[in-house]
Amino acid sequence: MTRVFRLVLGGALIVLATTSMAAEPEHAATDANAFLVQAASGGIAEVELGRLAQQRGSSPDVKGFGERMIRDHTQANRELDALATKKGVAVPEKLDREHAALRDRLSKLSGGDFDRAYMKEMTADHEQDVAEFRRVSEGAKDPDVRAFAAHTLPTLISHLDEAKRIESTLNGHAEAAPAAPTALRIETLPDDR
C-alpha cells in the first residue's frame, strides 16, 4: 500500500466512524420522537373511545372500563405532553385518520354489539401498547423517554388484563370461579374388635 492510499483510507475510516457516532444520537432522538408521537396519538384515541364506551356501551364493565380509559389516559397524556414539550417534539392534539375511522365504525354500534367490538379493539390495542412500551422502557437511548415508558407500562398491563377479562366475559367465557369446597362424607365402619 502506498503512503497516500493509507492516509486516504485512514481518513475515510475516521470520517466514517465520526459520521456513524454522530448518527446514533440523531437516530435515537428520531426513535424517541416517533414513540412520543405514536403514544400521544394512541392516548388521544383511548380517551375519545372511552367517552364513546360510556355513551354506547350497555355493560357496566364496559362503561367502567371506558371511564378508566378517560381517567388514566388523560393523566398519561398530560405527562407525555410535558415530556414532548421538554424535548421539543410536536405531538398530535386530535385523532389521526386511523383512530377516527375506528371511532366512526364503533359509533354505529350499540349495546352488546358495541361492547364486544370495543373490548376486542381495546384488547388488541393494549397488547400492542404493552409490547411497545416494554421495548422502549428497556431500550430507549433517551433516559426521559425510557422513564416515561417504564412509569406508564404497569398501567397499560393492568388495562390489558382488565380488557381481556371483560372481553372473555362478554363472549361467554366467564373466568373460572374457584371450585366450591365439597363436603366430606365421613362414614363410620363397624368396629371389628
N, C-alpha and C. Protein backbone atom coordinates (compact mmCIF):
# COMPACT_ATOMS: atom_id res chain seq x y z
N MET A 1 0.84 -1.18 0.00
CA MET A 1 0.00 0.00 0.00
C MET A 1 0.88 1.23 0.00
N THR A 2 0.48 2.16 -0.78
CA THR A 2 1.26 3.40 -0.78
C THR A 2 0.85 4.24 0.41
N ARG A 3 1.76 5.13 0.76
CA ARG A 3 1.52 6.00 1.91
C ARG A 3 0.29 6.87 1.68
N VAL A 4 0.07 7.42 0.51
CA VAL A 4 -1.08 8.27 0.20
C VAL A 4 -2.37 7.47 0.34
N PHE A 5 -2.37 6.25 -0.18
CA PHE A 5 -3.56 5.41 -0.11
C PHE A 5 -3.91 5.12 1.35
N ARG A 6 -2.85 4.84 2.16
CA ARG A 6 -3.09 4.57 3.58
C ARG A 6 -3.65 5.80 4.28
N LEU A 7 -3.17 6.97 3.95
CA LEU A 7 -3.68 8.20 4.55
C LEU A 7 -5.13 8.45 4.14
N VAL A 8 -5.43 8.24 2.85
CA VAL A 8 -6.80 8.44 2.38
C VAL A 8 -7.72 7.41 3.03
N LEU A 9 -7.29 6.16 3.07
CA LEU A 9 -8.09 5.11 3.69
C LEU A 9 -8.30 5.40 5.18
N GLY A 10 -7.24 5.79 5.86
CA GLY A 10 -7.33 6.12 7.28
C GLY A 10 -8.26 7.30 7.51
N GLY A 11 -8.17 8.33 6.68
CA GLY A 11 -9.06 9.49 6.79
C GLY A 11 -10.51 9.11 6.54
N ALA A 12 -10.73 8.23 5.58
CA ALA A 12 -12.09 7.79 5.28
C ALA A 12 -12.67 7.02 6.45
N LEU A 13 -11.85 6.20 7.09
CA LEU A 13 -12.33 5.45 8.24
C LEU A 13 -12.67 6.38 9.40
N ILE A 14 -11.86 7.41 9.59
CA ILE A 14 -12.15 8.38 10.65
C ILE A 14 -13.45 9.11 10.35
N VAL A 15 -13.64 9.54 9.11
CA VAL A 15 -14.88 10.23 8.73
C VAL A 15 -16.07 9.30 8.91
N LEU A 16 -15.91 8.05 8.48
CA LEU A 16 -16.98 7.07 8.60
C LEU A 16 -17.33 6.83 10.07
N ALA A 17 -16.32 6.67 10.90
CA ALA A 17 -16.55 6.43 12.32
C ALA A 17 -17.22 7.64 12.97
N THR A 18 -16.77 8.84 12.63
CA THR A 18 -17.35 10.05 13.18
C THR A 18 -18.79 10.20 12.74
N THR A 19 -19.07 9.95 11.48
CA THR A 19 -20.42 10.04 10.96
C THR A 19 -21.32 9.02 11.64
N SER A 20 -20.82 7.82 11.85
CA SER A 20 -21.60 6.77 12.50
C SER A 20 -21.92 7.15 13.93
N MET A 21 -20.94 7.70 14.66
CA MET A 21 -21.18 8.09 16.04
C MET A 21 -22.15 9.26 16.11
N ALA A 22 -22.06 10.18 15.18
CA ALA A 22 -22.97 11.32 15.18
C ALA A 22 -24.38 10.90 14.81
N ALA A 23 -24.53 9.91 13.95
CA ALA A 23 -25.84 9.48 13.51
C ALA A 23 -26.58 8.72 14.62
N GLU A 24 -25.86 8.05 15.50
CA GLU A 24 -26.51 7.26 16.53
C GLU A 24 -27.39 8.11 17.44
N PRO A 25 -26.91 9.23 18.02
CA PRO A 25 -27.80 10.04 18.84
C PRO A 25 -28.97 10.62 18.03
N GLU A 26 -28.71 11.00 16.79
CA GLU A 26 -29.77 11.53 15.95
C GLU A 26 -30.84 10.46 15.71
N HIS A 27 -30.38 9.23 15.42
CA HIS A 27 -31.30 8.11 15.20
C HIS A 27 -32.08 7.83 16.49
N ALA A 28 -31.39 7.87 17.63
CA ALA A 28 -32.05 7.64 18.91
C ALA A 28 -33.10 8.71 19.17
N ALA A 29 -32.78 9.96 18.85
CA ALA A 29 -33.74 11.05 19.02
C ALA A 29 -34.93 10.86 18.11
N THR A 30 -34.69 10.43 16.88
CA THR A 30 -35.77 10.19 15.94
C THR A 30 -36.68 9.09 16.44
N ASP A 31 -36.11 8.00 16.97
CA ASP A 31 -36.91 6.91 17.54
C ASP A 31 -37.73 7.40 18.72
N ALA A 32 -37.12 8.19 19.60
CA ALA A 32 -37.83 8.72 20.76
C ALA A 32 -38.96 9.64 20.32
N ASN A 33 -38.69 10.49 19.33
CA ASN A 33 -39.72 11.39 18.82
C ASN A 33 -40.88 10.61 18.24
N ALA A 34 -40.58 9.58 17.45
CA ALA A 34 -41.63 8.75 16.84
C ALA A 34 -42.46 8.07 17.92
N PHE A 35 -41.80 7.59 18.95
CA PHE A 35 -42.52 6.96 20.05
C PHE A 35 -43.46 7.95 20.72
N LEU A 36 -42.98 9.16 20.99
CA LEU A 36 -43.81 10.16 21.65
C LEU A 36 -45.03 10.52 20.80
N VAL A 37 -44.82 10.66 19.50
CA VAL A 37 -45.93 10.99 18.60
C VAL A 37 -46.95 9.84 18.57
N GLN A 38 -46.45 8.62 18.46
CA GLN A 38 -47.32 7.44 18.42
C GLN A 38 -48.07 7.29 19.74
N ALA A 39 -47.39 7.46 20.86
CA ALA A 39 -48.02 7.33 22.17
C ALA A 39 -49.08 8.41 22.37
N ALA A 40 -48.81 9.62 21.93
CA ALA A 40 -49.79 10.71 22.05
C ALA A 40 -51.03 10.40 21.22
N SER A 41 -50.82 9.93 20.02
CA SER A 41 -51.94 9.59 19.15
C SER A 41 -52.80 8.50 19.78
N GLY A 42 -52.16 7.48 20.30
CA GLY A 42 -52.89 6.40 20.95
C GLY A 42 -53.61 6.86 22.20
N GLY A 43 -52.98 7.72 22.97
CA GLY A 43 -53.60 8.23 24.20
C GLY A 43 -54.84 9.06 23.91
N ILE A 44 -54.78 9.88 22.89
CA ILE A 44 -55.95 10.67 22.48
C ILE A 44 -57.08 9.74 22.09
N ALA A 45 -56.76 8.70 21.35
CA ALA A 45 -57.77 7.73 20.91
C ALA A 45 -58.40 7.01 22.10
N GLU A 46 -57.58 6.62 23.08
CA GLU A 46 -58.11 5.91 24.25
C GLU A 46 -59.14 6.76 24.98
N VAL A 47 -58.86 8.07 25.12
CA VAL A 47 -59.79 8.96 25.80
C VAL A 47 -61.08 9.10 24.98
N GLU A 48 -60.94 9.34 23.70
CA GLU A 48 -62.11 9.52 22.83
C GLU A 48 -62.96 8.25 22.79
N LEU A 49 -62.33 7.10 22.65
CA LEU A 49 -63.07 5.84 22.61
C LEU A 49 -63.66 5.50 23.98
N GLY A 50 -63.00 5.92 25.05
CA GLY A 50 -63.56 5.74 26.39
C GLY A 50 -64.85 6.52 26.56
N ARG A 51 -64.89 7.72 26.02
CA ARG A 51 -66.13 8.51 26.05
C ARG A 51 -67.23 7.81 25.27
N LEU A 52 -66.85 7.26 24.14
CA LEU A 52 -67.81 6.54 23.31
C LEU A 52 -68.34 5.31 24.06
N ALA A 53 -67.48 4.63 24.80
CA ALA A 53 -67.90 3.46 25.58
C ALA A 53 -68.92 3.85 26.63
N GLN A 54 -68.77 5.01 27.22
CA GLN A 54 -69.73 5.45 28.22
C GLN A 54 -71.07 5.80 27.58
N GLN A 55 -71.06 6.26 26.35
CA GLN A 55 -72.29 6.63 25.65
C GLN A 55 -72.99 5.43 25.02
N ARG A 56 -72.21 4.55 24.38
CA ARG A 56 -72.79 3.48 23.54
C ARG A 56 -72.82 2.11 24.21
N GLY A 57 -72.02 1.93 25.24
CA GLY A 57 -71.94 0.63 25.88
C GLY A 57 -73.16 0.29 26.70
N SER A 58 -73.37 -1.00 26.91
CA SER A 58 -74.51 -1.42 27.75
C SER A 58 -74.04 -2.12 29.02
N SER A 59 -72.88 -2.73 28.98
CA SER A 59 -72.36 -3.45 30.13
C SER A 59 -71.74 -2.48 31.13
N PRO A 60 -72.05 -2.64 32.41
CA PRO A 60 -71.41 -1.80 33.42
C PRO A 60 -69.87 -1.94 33.39
N ASP A 61 -69.39 -3.15 33.06
CA ASP A 61 -67.94 -3.35 32.96
C ASP A 61 -67.34 -2.53 31.83
N VAL A 62 -68.03 -2.49 30.70
CA VAL A 62 -67.54 -1.73 29.54
C VAL A 62 -67.58 -0.24 29.85
N LYS A 63 -68.65 0.22 30.45
CA LYS A 63 -68.76 1.64 30.82
C LYS A 63 -67.67 2.01 31.83
N GLY A 64 -67.45 1.12 32.80
CA GLY A 64 -66.40 1.37 33.79
C GLY A 64 -65.02 1.37 33.16
N PHE A 65 -64.80 0.48 32.22
CA PHE A 65 -63.51 0.44 31.51
C PHE A 65 -63.32 1.74 30.73
N GLY A 66 -64.39 2.20 30.06
CA GLY A 66 -64.31 3.47 29.33
C GLY A 66 -63.96 4.63 30.25
N GLU A 67 -64.57 4.64 31.44
CA GLU A 67 -64.27 5.68 32.42
C GLU A 67 -62.80 5.62 32.84
N ARG A 68 -62.31 4.40 33.04
CA ARG A 68 -60.90 4.25 33.43
C ARG A 68 -59.97 4.71 32.31
N MET A 69 -60.34 4.44 31.05
CA MET A 69 -59.52 4.88 29.92
C MET A 69 -59.43 6.41 29.90
N ILE A 70 -60.55 7.06 30.14
CA ILE A 70 -60.56 8.53 30.17
C ILE A 70 -59.64 9.03 31.26
N ARG A 71 -59.81 8.50 32.46
CA ARG A 71 -59.03 8.97 33.62
C ARG A 71 -57.53 8.69 33.46
N ASP A 72 -57.19 7.42 33.18
CA ASP A 72 -55.78 7.05 33.13
C ASP A 72 -55.05 7.65 31.94
N HIS A 73 -55.69 7.65 30.78
CA HIS A 73 -55.01 8.18 29.59
C HIS A 73 -54.98 9.71 29.57
N THR A 74 -55.93 10.36 30.22
CA THR A 74 -55.84 11.81 30.35
C THR A 74 -54.61 12.17 31.18
N GLN A 75 -54.40 11.43 32.27
CA GLN A 75 -53.22 11.67 33.11
C GLN A 75 -51.93 11.37 32.33
N ALA A 76 -51.89 10.23 31.65
CA ALA A 76 -50.69 9.88 30.88
C ALA A 76 -50.46 10.89 29.75
N ASN A 77 -51.53 11.37 29.13
CA ASN A 77 -51.39 12.36 28.06
C ASN A 77 -50.79 13.66 28.58
N ARG A 78 -51.17 14.06 29.79
CA ARG A 78 -50.58 15.27 30.39
C ARG A 78 -49.07 15.10 30.58
N GLU A 79 -48.70 13.94 31.12
CA GLU A 79 -47.28 13.66 31.34
C GLU A 79 -46.52 13.61 30.02
N LEU A 80 -47.12 12.98 29.03
CA LEU A 80 -46.49 12.88 27.72
C LEU A 80 -46.35 14.26 27.06
N ASP A 81 -47.38 15.07 27.17
CA ASP A 81 -47.31 16.43 26.61
C ASP A 81 -46.16 17.22 27.24
N ALA A 82 -46.02 17.12 28.55
CA ALA A 82 -44.94 17.84 29.24
C ALA A 82 -43.58 17.34 28.75
N LEU A 83 -43.45 16.02 28.60
CA LEU A 83 -42.19 15.45 28.13
C LEU A 83 -41.91 15.88 26.69
N ALA A 84 -42.93 15.84 25.85
CA ALA A 84 -42.76 16.23 24.44
C ALA A 84 -42.36 17.70 24.34
N THR A 85 -42.97 18.54 25.16
CA THR A 85 -42.61 19.96 25.16
C THR A 85 -41.15 20.13 25.58
N LYS A 86 -40.73 19.41 26.61
CA LYS A 86 -39.34 19.46 27.08
C LYS A 86 -38.37 19.04 25.98
N LYS A 87 -38.78 18.04 25.18
CA LYS A 87 -37.92 17.52 24.12
C LYS A 87 -38.08 18.27 22.80
N GLY A 88 -39.03 19.22 22.76
CA GLY A 88 -39.25 19.98 21.53
C GLY A 88 -39.92 19.15 20.44
N VAL A 89 -40.75 18.20 20.85
CA VAL A 89 -41.43 17.33 19.89
C VAL A 89 -42.89 17.75 19.80
N ALA A 90 -43.35 18.00 18.58
CA ALA A 90 -44.75 18.34 18.35
C ALA A 90 -45.56 17.05 18.28
N VAL A 91 -46.50 16.89 19.19
CA VAL A 91 -47.35 15.70 19.20
C VAL A 91 -48.76 16.09 18.77
N PRO A 92 -49.54 15.14 18.25
CA PRO A 92 -50.89 15.44 17.79
C PRO A 92 -51.80 15.88 18.92
N GLU A 93 -52.79 16.66 18.57
CA GLU A 93 -53.77 17.13 19.55
C GLU A 93 -55.16 16.59 19.28
N LYS A 94 -55.31 15.86 18.15
CA LYS A 94 -56.61 15.30 17.82
C LYS A 94 -56.40 13.92 17.20
N LEU A 95 -57.50 13.20 17.02
CA LEU A 95 -57.43 11.85 16.46
C LEU A 95 -56.80 11.86 15.08
N ASP A 96 -55.97 10.85 14.84
CA ASP A 96 -55.43 10.67 13.49
C ASP A 96 -56.49 9.96 12.65
N ARG A 97 -56.23 9.81 11.38
CA ARG A 97 -57.20 9.25 10.44
C ARG A 97 -57.61 7.82 10.83
N GLU A 98 -56.62 7.01 11.19
CA GLU A 98 -56.90 5.61 11.54
C GLU A 98 -57.82 5.49 12.75
N HIS A 99 -57.52 6.26 13.80
CA HIS A 99 -58.34 6.21 15.01
C HIS A 99 -59.71 6.85 14.79
N ALA A 100 -59.77 7.86 13.94
CA ALA A 100 -61.07 8.48 13.62
C ALA A 100 -61.97 7.47 12.90
N ALA A 101 -61.39 6.67 12.02
CA ALA A 101 -62.16 5.65 11.31
C ALA A 101 -62.67 4.59 12.29
N LEU A 102 -61.85 4.22 13.26
CA LEU A 102 -62.27 3.26 14.28
C LEU A 102 -63.41 3.85 15.11
N ARG A 103 -63.26 5.08 15.53
CA ARG A 103 -64.32 5.75 16.30
C ARG A 103 -65.62 5.77 15.50
N ASP A 104 -65.53 6.12 14.23
CA ASP A 104 -66.73 6.19 13.39
C ASP A 104 -67.38 4.82 13.25
N ARG A 105 -66.57 3.78 13.08
CA ARG A 105 -67.10 2.43 12.95
C ARG A 105 -67.79 2.00 14.24
N LEU A 106 -67.15 2.24 15.38
CA LEU A 106 -67.73 1.85 16.66
C LEU A 106 -68.96 2.67 17.01
N SER A 107 -69.00 3.92 16.58
CA SER A 107 -70.13 4.80 16.92
C SER A 107 -71.43 4.35 16.25
N LYS A 108 -71.34 3.47 15.26
CA LYS A 108 -72.53 2.95 14.59
C LYS A 108 -73.11 1.74 15.32
N LEU A 109 -72.41 1.28 16.35
CA LEU A 109 -72.85 0.11 17.12
C LEU A 109 -73.42 0.56 18.45
N SER A 110 -74.20 -0.32 19.06
CA SER A 110 -74.70 -0.03 20.40
C SER A 110 -74.92 -1.34 21.14
N GLY A 111 -75.17 -1.21 22.42
CA GLY A 111 -75.47 -2.38 23.24
C GLY A 111 -74.37 -3.42 23.22
N GLY A 112 -74.79 -4.68 23.19
CA GLY A 112 -73.84 -5.79 23.21
C GLY A 112 -72.90 -5.80 22.03
N ASP A 113 -73.39 -5.38 20.85
CA ASP A 113 -72.51 -5.33 19.68
C ASP A 113 -71.38 -4.33 19.90
N PHE A 114 -71.72 -3.17 20.46
CA PHE A 114 -70.68 -2.19 20.76
C PHE A 114 -69.71 -2.76 21.79
N ASP A 115 -70.27 -3.31 22.86
CA ASP A 115 -69.44 -3.82 23.96
C ASP A 115 -68.38 -4.80 23.44
N ARG A 116 -68.82 -5.78 22.66
CA ARG A 116 -67.89 -6.80 22.16
C ARG A 116 -66.85 -6.21 21.20
N ALA A 117 -67.29 -5.34 20.30
CA ALA A 117 -66.36 -4.74 19.33
C ALA A 117 -65.35 -3.83 20.03
N TYR A 118 -65.83 -3.02 20.96
CA TYR A 118 -64.95 -2.10 21.69
C TYR A 118 -63.91 -2.87 22.50
N MET A 119 -64.35 -3.89 23.23
CA MET A 119 -63.41 -4.63 24.07
C MET A 119 -62.42 -5.43 23.22
N LYS A 120 -62.85 -5.92 22.07
CA LYS A 120 -61.91 -6.59 21.17
C LYS A 120 -60.83 -5.61 20.73
N GLU A 121 -61.23 -4.40 20.37
CA GLU A 121 -60.25 -3.37 19.96
C GLU A 121 -59.34 -3.00 21.12
N MET A 122 -59.89 -2.87 22.31
CA MET A 122 -59.09 -2.48 23.47
C MET A 122 -58.07 -3.57 23.82
N THR A 123 -58.46 -4.82 23.69
CA THR A 123 -57.52 -5.91 23.96
C THR A 123 -56.38 -5.87 22.95
N ALA A 124 -56.72 -5.80 21.67
CA ALA A 124 -55.69 -5.78 20.62
C ALA A 124 -54.79 -4.56 20.76
N ASP A 125 -55.39 -3.40 21.01
CA ASP A 125 -54.63 -2.17 21.13
C ASP A 125 -53.68 -2.21 22.32
N HIS A 126 -54.15 -2.70 23.44
CA HIS A 126 -53.30 -2.74 24.63
C HIS A 126 -52.22 -3.81 24.53
N GLU A 127 -52.47 -4.87 23.78
CA GLU A 127 -51.39 -5.84 23.54
C GLU A 127 -50.24 -5.15 22.79
N GLN A 128 -50.58 -4.36 21.79
CA GLN A 128 -49.55 -3.63 21.04
C GLN A 128 -48.87 -2.58 21.92
N ASP A 129 -49.67 -1.86 22.70
CA ASP A 129 -49.12 -0.81 23.57
C ASP A 129 -48.14 -1.39 24.59
N VAL A 130 -48.54 -2.49 25.21
CA VAL A 130 -47.67 -3.11 26.22
C VAL A 130 -46.35 -3.52 25.58
N ALA A 131 -46.41 -4.14 24.42
CA ALA A 131 -45.18 -4.56 23.74
C ALA A 131 -44.29 -3.36 23.41
N GLU A 132 -44.88 -2.29 22.89
CA GLU A 132 -44.10 -1.11 22.50
C GLU A 132 -43.53 -0.39 23.72
N PHE A 133 -44.34 -0.19 24.75
CA PHE A 133 -43.86 0.50 25.95
C PHE A 133 -42.79 -0.33 26.65
N ARG A 134 -42.94 -1.64 26.63
CA ARG A 134 -41.90 -2.51 27.23
C ARG A 134 -40.59 -2.35 26.46
N ARG A 135 -40.68 -2.37 25.12
CA ARG A 135 -39.48 -2.23 24.28
C ARG A 135 -38.78 -0.90 24.57
N VAL A 136 -39.55 0.17 24.64
CA VAL A 136 -38.97 1.50 24.87
C VAL A 136 -38.44 1.61 26.29
N SER A 137 -39.16 1.05 27.27
CA SER A 137 -38.71 1.14 28.66
C SER A 137 -37.40 0.39 28.89
N GLU A 138 -37.14 -0.60 28.04
CA GLU A 138 -35.91 -1.39 28.19
C GLU A 138 -34.78 -0.91 27.28
N GLY A 139 -35.10 -0.21 26.18
CA GLY A 139 -34.04 0.05 25.23
C GLY A 139 -33.91 1.45 24.68
N ALA A 140 -34.77 2.38 25.10
CA ALA A 140 -34.67 3.73 24.56
C ALA A 140 -33.37 4.38 25.03
N LYS A 141 -32.73 5.10 24.14
CA LYS A 141 -31.49 5.80 24.48
C LYS A 141 -31.76 7.01 25.37
N ASP A 142 -32.89 7.68 25.13
CA ASP A 142 -33.23 8.88 25.90
C ASP A 142 -33.75 8.45 27.27
N PRO A 143 -33.07 8.84 28.36
CA PRO A 143 -33.49 8.38 29.69
C PRO A 143 -34.87 8.89 30.10
N ASP A 144 -35.25 10.08 29.65
CA ASP A 144 -36.57 10.61 30.00
C ASP A 144 -37.68 9.82 29.31
N VAL A 145 -37.47 9.49 28.06
CA VAL A 145 -38.45 8.70 27.31
C VAL A 145 -38.53 7.30 27.90
N ARG A 146 -37.38 6.72 28.22
CA ARG A 146 -37.34 5.39 28.83
C ARG A 146 -38.09 5.40 30.16
N ALA A 147 -37.88 6.44 30.97
CA ALA A 147 -38.55 6.54 32.27
C ALA A 147 -40.07 6.70 32.11
N PHE A 148 -40.50 7.50 31.13
CA PHE A 148 -41.94 7.67 30.89
C PHE A 148 -42.56 6.32 30.52
N ALA A 149 -41.92 5.60 29.62
CA ALA A 149 -42.45 4.30 29.19
C ALA A 149 -42.51 3.33 30.37
N ALA A 150 -41.45 3.30 31.18
CA ALA A 150 -41.41 2.39 32.33
C ALA A 150 -42.47 2.74 33.36
N HIS A 151 -42.69 4.04 33.56
CA HIS A 151 -43.69 4.52 34.53
C HIS A 151 -45.11 4.19 34.06
N THR A 152 -45.36 4.25 32.76
CA THR A 152 -46.69 4.04 32.19
C THR A 152 -47.00 2.57 31.98
N LEU A 153 -45.99 1.74 31.79
CA LEU A 153 -46.17 0.33 31.45
C LEU A 153 -47.07 -0.44 32.43
N PRO A 154 -46.89 -0.33 33.75
CA PRO A 154 -47.76 -1.10 34.66
C PRO A 154 -49.25 -0.78 34.48
N THR A 155 -49.56 0.47 34.22
CA THR A 155 -50.96 0.86 33.99
C THR A 155 -51.48 0.19 32.72
N LEU A 156 -50.68 0.18 31.67
CA LEU A 156 -51.10 -0.45 30.42
C LEU A 156 -51.29 -1.95 30.59
N ILE A 157 -50.42 -2.58 31.36
CA ILE A 157 -50.57 -4.01 31.63
C ILE A 157 -51.88 -4.27 32.37
N SER A 158 -52.18 -3.41 33.33
CA SER A 158 -53.44 -3.53 34.07
C SER A 158 -54.64 -3.35 33.14
N HIS A 159 -54.55 -2.38 32.23
CA HIS A 159 -55.62 -2.18 31.24
C HIS A 159 -55.80 -3.43 30.39
N LEU A 160 -54.70 -4.01 29.94
CA LEU A 160 -54.76 -5.21 29.11
C LEU A 160 -55.42 -6.36 29.87
N ASP A 161 -55.01 -6.57 31.10
CA ASP A 161 -55.60 -7.65 31.89
C ASP A 161 -57.11 -7.45 32.05
N GLU A 162 -57.51 -6.23 32.35
CA GLU A 162 -58.94 -5.93 32.52
C GLU A 162 -59.69 -6.08 31.20
N ALA A 163 -59.10 -5.61 30.11
CA ALA A 163 -59.74 -5.73 28.80
C ALA A 163 -59.96 -7.19 28.43
N LYS A 164 -58.96 -8.02 28.67
CA LYS A 164 -59.08 -9.46 28.38
C LYS A 164 -60.19 -10.09 29.21
N ARG A 165 -60.24 -9.73 30.49
CA ARG A 165 -61.26 -10.30 31.38
C ARG A 165 -62.66 -9.91 30.89
N ILE A 166 -62.85 -8.63 30.59
CA ILE A 166 -64.17 -8.16 30.15
C ILE A 166 -64.53 -8.79 28.81
N GLU A 167 -63.58 -8.82 27.89
CA GLU A 167 -63.85 -9.41 26.58
C GLU A 167 -64.25 -10.88 26.72
N SER A 168 -63.55 -11.59 27.56
CA SER A 168 -63.86 -13.00 27.79
C SER A 168 -65.26 -13.18 28.36
N THR A 169 -65.61 -12.36 29.32
CA THR A 169 -66.93 -12.42 29.93
C THR A 169 -68.02 -12.11 28.90
N LEU A 170 -67.80 -11.08 28.08
CA LEU A 170 -68.78 -10.71 27.06
C LEU A 170 -68.98 -11.80 26.02
N ASN A 171 -67.93 -12.56 25.78
CA ASN A 171 -68.01 -13.64 24.79
C ASN A 171 -68.47 -14.96 25.39
N GLY A 172 -68.95 -14.89 26.63
CA GLY A 172 -69.50 -16.09 27.27
C GLY A 172 -68.47 -17.04 27.84
N HIS A 173 -67.26 -16.55 27.99
CA HIS A 173 -66.20 -17.38 28.56
C HIS A 173 -65.84 -16.82 29.92
N ALA A 174 -66.80 -16.86 30.81
CA ALA A 174 -66.55 -16.30 32.15
C ALA A 174 -65.34 -16.98 32.76
N GLU A 175 -64.60 -16.18 33.49
CA GLU A 175 -63.42 -16.73 34.14
C GLU A 175 -63.87 -17.81 35.11
N ALA A 176 -63.10 -18.85 35.18
CA ALA A 176 -63.45 -19.95 36.08
C ALA A 176 -63.39 -19.48 37.52
N ALA A 177 -64.50 -19.68 38.20
CA ALA A 177 -64.54 -19.33 39.62
C ALA A 177 -63.89 -20.47 40.39
N PRO A 178 -63.33 -20.16 41.53
CA PRO A 178 -62.73 -21.24 42.31
C PRO A 178 -63.81 -22.27 42.66
N ALA A 179 -63.45 -23.51 42.62
CA ALA A 179 -64.40 -24.57 42.93
C ALA A 179 -64.85 -24.48 44.37
N ALA A 180 -66.14 -24.70 44.57
CA ALA A 180 -66.67 -24.68 45.93
C ALA A 180 -66.16 -25.92 46.65
N PRO A 181 -65.86 -25.75 47.91
CA PRO A 181 -65.37 -26.92 48.64
C PRO A 181 -66.47 -28.00 48.70
N THR A 182 -66.07 -29.20 48.54
CA THR A 182 -67.05 -30.29 48.61
C THR A 182 -67.12 -30.77 50.05
N ALA A 183 -68.32 -31.14 50.44
CA ALA A 183 -68.50 -31.62 51.80
C ALA A 183 -67.85 -32.99 51.93
N LEU A 184 -67.20 -33.20 53.01
CA LEU A 184 -66.59 -34.51 53.27
C LEU A 184 -67.64 -35.41 53.89
N ARG A 185 -67.71 -36.57 53.37
CA ARG A 185 -68.66 -37.54 53.92
C ARG A 185 -67.85 -38.52 54.76
N ILE A 186 -68.15 -38.55 55.99
CA ILE A 186 -67.43 -39.43 56.90
C ILE A 186 -68.33 -40.61 57.22
N GLU A 187 -67.85 -41.76 56.92
CA GLU A 187 -68.61 -42.97 57.22
C GLU A 187 -67.96 -43.67 58.39
N THR A 188 -68.78 -44.16 59.24
CA THR A 188 -68.22 -44.94 60.34
C THR A 188 -68.37 -46.42 60.01
N LEU A 189 -67.36 -47.11 60.19
CA LEU A 189 -67.37 -48.55 59.92
C LEU A 189 -67.58 -49.30 61.23
N PRO A 190 -68.26 -50.44 61.15
CA PRO A 190 -68.44 -51.20 62.39
C PRO A 190 -67.09 -51.62 62.96
N ASP A 191 -67.05 -51.59 64.22
CA ASP A 191 -65.82 -51.94 64.90
C ASP A 191 -65.71 -53.47 64.97
N ASP A 192 -64.66 -54.04 64.43
CA ASP A 192 -64.49 -55.49 64.37
C ASP A 192 -63.68 -56.03 65.53
N ARG A 193 -63.76 -55.52 66.60
CA ARG A 193 -62.91 -55.96 67.68
C ARG A 193 -63.25 -57.27 68.16
